[in-house]
Amino acid sequence: MYENKGKTHQINFDKNRIQQVVIIRDKILSDLDNSYMPDSPATPAQCTQCEYLNHCNDR
């Protein structure tokens, strides 16, 4: 459900969509468990200016 100007609207999901969400959720949880970082498109120059450098350090 979501709200729009005080009104709630129900969102219906079919079985296929639910399965897609579960697959994506499982992939995210697996990546977190394995401490896997996704590839970063950033260049080394961008990384030196990034506020998340201390947390990322994938370069």
N, C-alpha and C. Protein backbone atom coordinates (compact mmCIF):
# COMPACT_ATOMS: atom_id res chain seq x y z
N MET A 1 0.84 -1.17 0.00
CA MET A 1 0.00 0.00 0.00
C MET A 1 0.89 1.24 0.00
N TYR A 2 0.38 2.27 -0.60
CA TYR A 2 1.07 3.55 -0.53
C TYR A 2 0.03 4.64 -0.35
N GLU A 3 0.48 5.81 0.08
CA GLU A 3 -0.44 6.90 0.38
C GLU A 3 -0.19 8.04 -0.58
N ASN A 4 -1.27 8.65 -1.03
CA ASN A 4 -1.19 9.80 -1.91
C ASN A 4 -2.21 10.82 -1.46
N LYS A 5 -1.76 11.89 -0.83
CA LYS A 5 -2.62 12.97 -0.34
C LYS A 5 -3.74 12.45 0.54
N GLY A 6 -3.36 11.63 1.52
CA GLY A 6 -4.34 11.13 2.49
C GLY A 6 -5.13 9.92 2.04
N LYS A 7 -4.93 9.47 0.82
CA LYS A 7 -5.64 8.29 0.33
C LYS A 7 -4.66 7.14 0.19
N THR A 8 -5.08 5.96 0.59
CA THR A 8 -4.24 4.78 0.43
C THR A 8 -4.69 4.00 -0.79
N HIS A 9 -3.73 3.40 -1.45
CA HIS A 9 -3.99 2.62 -2.66
C HIS A 9 -3.32 1.27 -2.51
N GLN A 10 -4.05 0.22 -2.78
CA GLN A 10 -3.50 -1.12 -2.69
C GLN A 10 -2.77 -1.47 -3.98
N ILE A 11 -1.61 -2.08 -3.82
CA ILE A 11 -0.83 -2.54 -4.97
C ILE A 11 -0.86 -4.06 -4.96
N ASN A 12 -1.36 -4.65 -6.02
CA ASN A 12 -1.45 -6.10 -6.12
C ASN A 12 -0.23 -6.66 -6.86
N PHE A 13 0.33 -7.73 -6.31
CA PHE A 13 1.48 -8.39 -6.92
C PHE A 13 1.06 -9.79 -7.35
N ASP A 14 1.44 -10.15 -8.57
CA ASP A 14 1.18 -11.51 -9.01
C ASP A 14 2.32 -12.41 -8.53
N LYS A 15 2.15 -13.72 -8.70
CA LYS A 15 3.15 -14.67 -8.19
C LYS A 15 4.51 -14.47 -8.83
N ASN A 16 4.55 -14.12 -10.11
CA ASN A 16 5.81 -13.90 -10.80
C ASN A 16 6.57 -12.72 -10.19
N ARG A 17 5.88 -11.63 -9.91
CA ARG A 17 6.51 -10.44 -9.32
C ARG A 17 7.01 -10.75 -7.91
N ILE A 18 6.25 -11.48 -7.14
CA ILE A 18 6.67 -11.85 -5.79
C ILE A 18 7.94 -12.70 -5.85
N GLN A 19 8.00 -13.63 -6.79
CA GLN A 19 9.18 -14.48 -6.93
C GLN A 19 10.40 -13.64 -7.32
N GLN A 20 10.22 -12.65 -8.19
CA GLN A 20 11.33 -11.77 -8.56
C GLN A 20 11.84 -11.00 -7.35
N VAL A 21 10.94 -10.50 -6.53
CA VAL A 21 11.33 -9.76 -5.32
C VAL A 21 12.10 -10.67 -4.37
N VAL A 22 11.64 -11.89 -4.19
CA VAL A 22 12.31 -12.83 -3.29
C VAL A 22 13.71 -13.15 -3.80
N ILE A 23 13.87 -13.33 -5.10
CA ILE A 23 15.19 -13.62 -5.68
C ILE A 23 16.14 -12.45 -5.44
N ILE A 24 15.67 -11.25 -5.67
CA ILE A 24 16.50 -10.06 -5.45
C ILE A 24 16.84 -9.92 -3.97
N ARG A 25 15.86 -10.14 -3.10
CA ARG A 25 16.12 -10.07 -1.66
C ARG A 25 17.18 -11.08 -1.24
N ASP A 26 17.07 -12.30 -1.74
CA ASP A 26 18.04 -13.34 -1.39
C ASP A 26 19.44 -12.98 -1.89
N LYS A 27 19.53 -12.39 -3.06
CA LYS A 27 20.83 -11.96 -3.60
C LYS A 27 21.44 -10.87 -2.71
N ILE A 28 20.64 -9.92 -2.29
CA ILE A 28 21.13 -8.85 -1.42
C ILE A 28 21.61 -9.42 -0.09
N LEU A 29 20.83 -10.31 0.50
CA LEU A 29 21.22 -10.92 1.77
C LEU A 29 22.50 -11.73 1.63
N SER A 30 22.63 -12.45 0.52
CA SER A 30 23.84 -13.23 0.27
C SER A 30 25.05 -12.31 0.14
N ASP A 31 24.90 -11.22 -0.59
CA ASP A 31 26.00 -10.27 -0.75
C ASP A 31 26.41 -9.67 0.59
N LEU A 32 25.43 -9.38 1.43
CA LEU A 32 25.74 -8.84 2.76
C LEU A 32 26.46 -9.87 3.61
N ASP A 33 26.00 -11.11 3.57
CA ASP A 33 26.63 -12.17 4.36
C ASP A 33 28.07 -12.43 3.93
N ASN A 34 28.33 -12.30 2.63
CA ASN A 34 29.66 -12.56 2.09
C ASN A 34 30.53 -11.30 2.03
N SER A 35 30.02 -10.20 2.54
CA SER A 35 30.73 -8.92 2.51
C SER A 35 31.15 -8.54 1.10
N TYR A 36 30.30 -8.82 0.15
CA TYR A 36 30.57 -8.53 -1.26
C TYR A 36 30.20 -7.09 -1.57
N MET A 37 31.11 -6.37 -2.20
CA MET A 37 30.84 -5.01 -2.64
C MET A 37 30.59 -5.03 -4.14
N PRO A 38 29.54 -4.38 -4.63
CA PRO A 38 29.30 -4.33 -6.07
C PRO A 38 30.40 -3.50 -6.75
N ASP A 39 30.62 -3.75 -8.03
CA ASP A 39 31.61 -2.99 -8.78
C ASP A 39 31.24 -1.51 -8.77
N SER A 40 32.25 -0.68 -8.65
CA SER A 40 32.03 0.76 -8.62
C SER A 40 32.47 1.36 -9.95
N PRO A 41 31.63 2.20 -10.55
CA PRO A 41 32.02 2.85 -11.80
C PRO A 41 32.91 4.07 -11.55
N ALA A 42 33.20 4.38 -10.29
CA ALA A 42 33.98 5.56 -9.96
C ALA A 42 35.43 5.41 -10.38
N THR A 43 36.04 6.52 -10.71
CA THR A 43 37.47 6.55 -11.04
C THR A 43 38.25 6.84 -9.76
N PRO A 44 39.55 6.54 -9.74
CA PRO A 44 40.34 6.86 -8.54
C PRO A 44 40.26 8.34 -8.15
N ALA A 45 40.16 9.22 -9.14
CA ALA A 45 40.05 10.65 -8.83
C ALA A 45 38.74 10.95 -8.10
N GLN A 46 37.68 10.29 -8.50
CA GLN A 46 36.40 10.49 -7.82
C GLN A 46 36.44 9.94 -6.41
N CYS A 47 37.13 8.82 -6.23
CA CYS A 47 37.19 8.19 -4.91
C CYS A 47 37.90 9.06 -3.89
N THR A 48 38.89 9.83 -4.32
CA THR A 48 39.61 10.67 -3.36
C THR A 48 38.72 11.78 -2.82
N GLN A 49 37.67 12.13 -3.53
CA GLN A 49 36.76 13.18 -3.10
C GLN A 49 35.49 12.65 -2.43
N CYS A 50 35.37 11.34 -2.35
CA CYS A 50 34.13 10.72 -1.87
C CYS A 50 34.06 10.70 -0.35
N GLU A 51 32.89 11.04 0.18
CA GLU A 51 32.70 11.03 1.64
C GLU A 51 32.59 9.62 2.20
N TYR A 52 32.41 8.62 1.34
CA TYR A 52 32.28 7.23 1.80
C TYR A 52 33.58 6.45 1.66
N LEU A 53 34.68 7.11 1.35
CA LEU A 53 35.94 6.42 1.10
C LEU A 53 36.35 5.54 2.28
N ASN A 54 36.15 6.00 3.50
CA ASN A 54 36.52 5.20 4.67
C ASN A 54 35.70 3.92 4.77
N HIS A 55 34.49 3.93 4.26
CA HIS A 55 33.61 2.76 4.34
C HIS A 55 33.79 1.84 3.14
N CYS A 56 34.18 2.39 2.03
CA CYS A 56 34.23 1.63 0.79
C CYS A 56 35.61 0.99 0.58
N ASN A 57 36.59 1.82 0.29
CA ASN A 57 37.96 1.37 0.03
C ASN A 57 38.01 0.17 -0.91
N ASP A 58 37.21 0.18 -1.96
CA ASP A 58 37.24 -0.92 -2.93
C ASP A 58 38.16 -0.60 -4.11
N ARG A 59 38.94 0.42 -4.00
CA ARG A 59 39.86 0.82 -5.07
C ARG A 59 41.27 0.47 -4.69
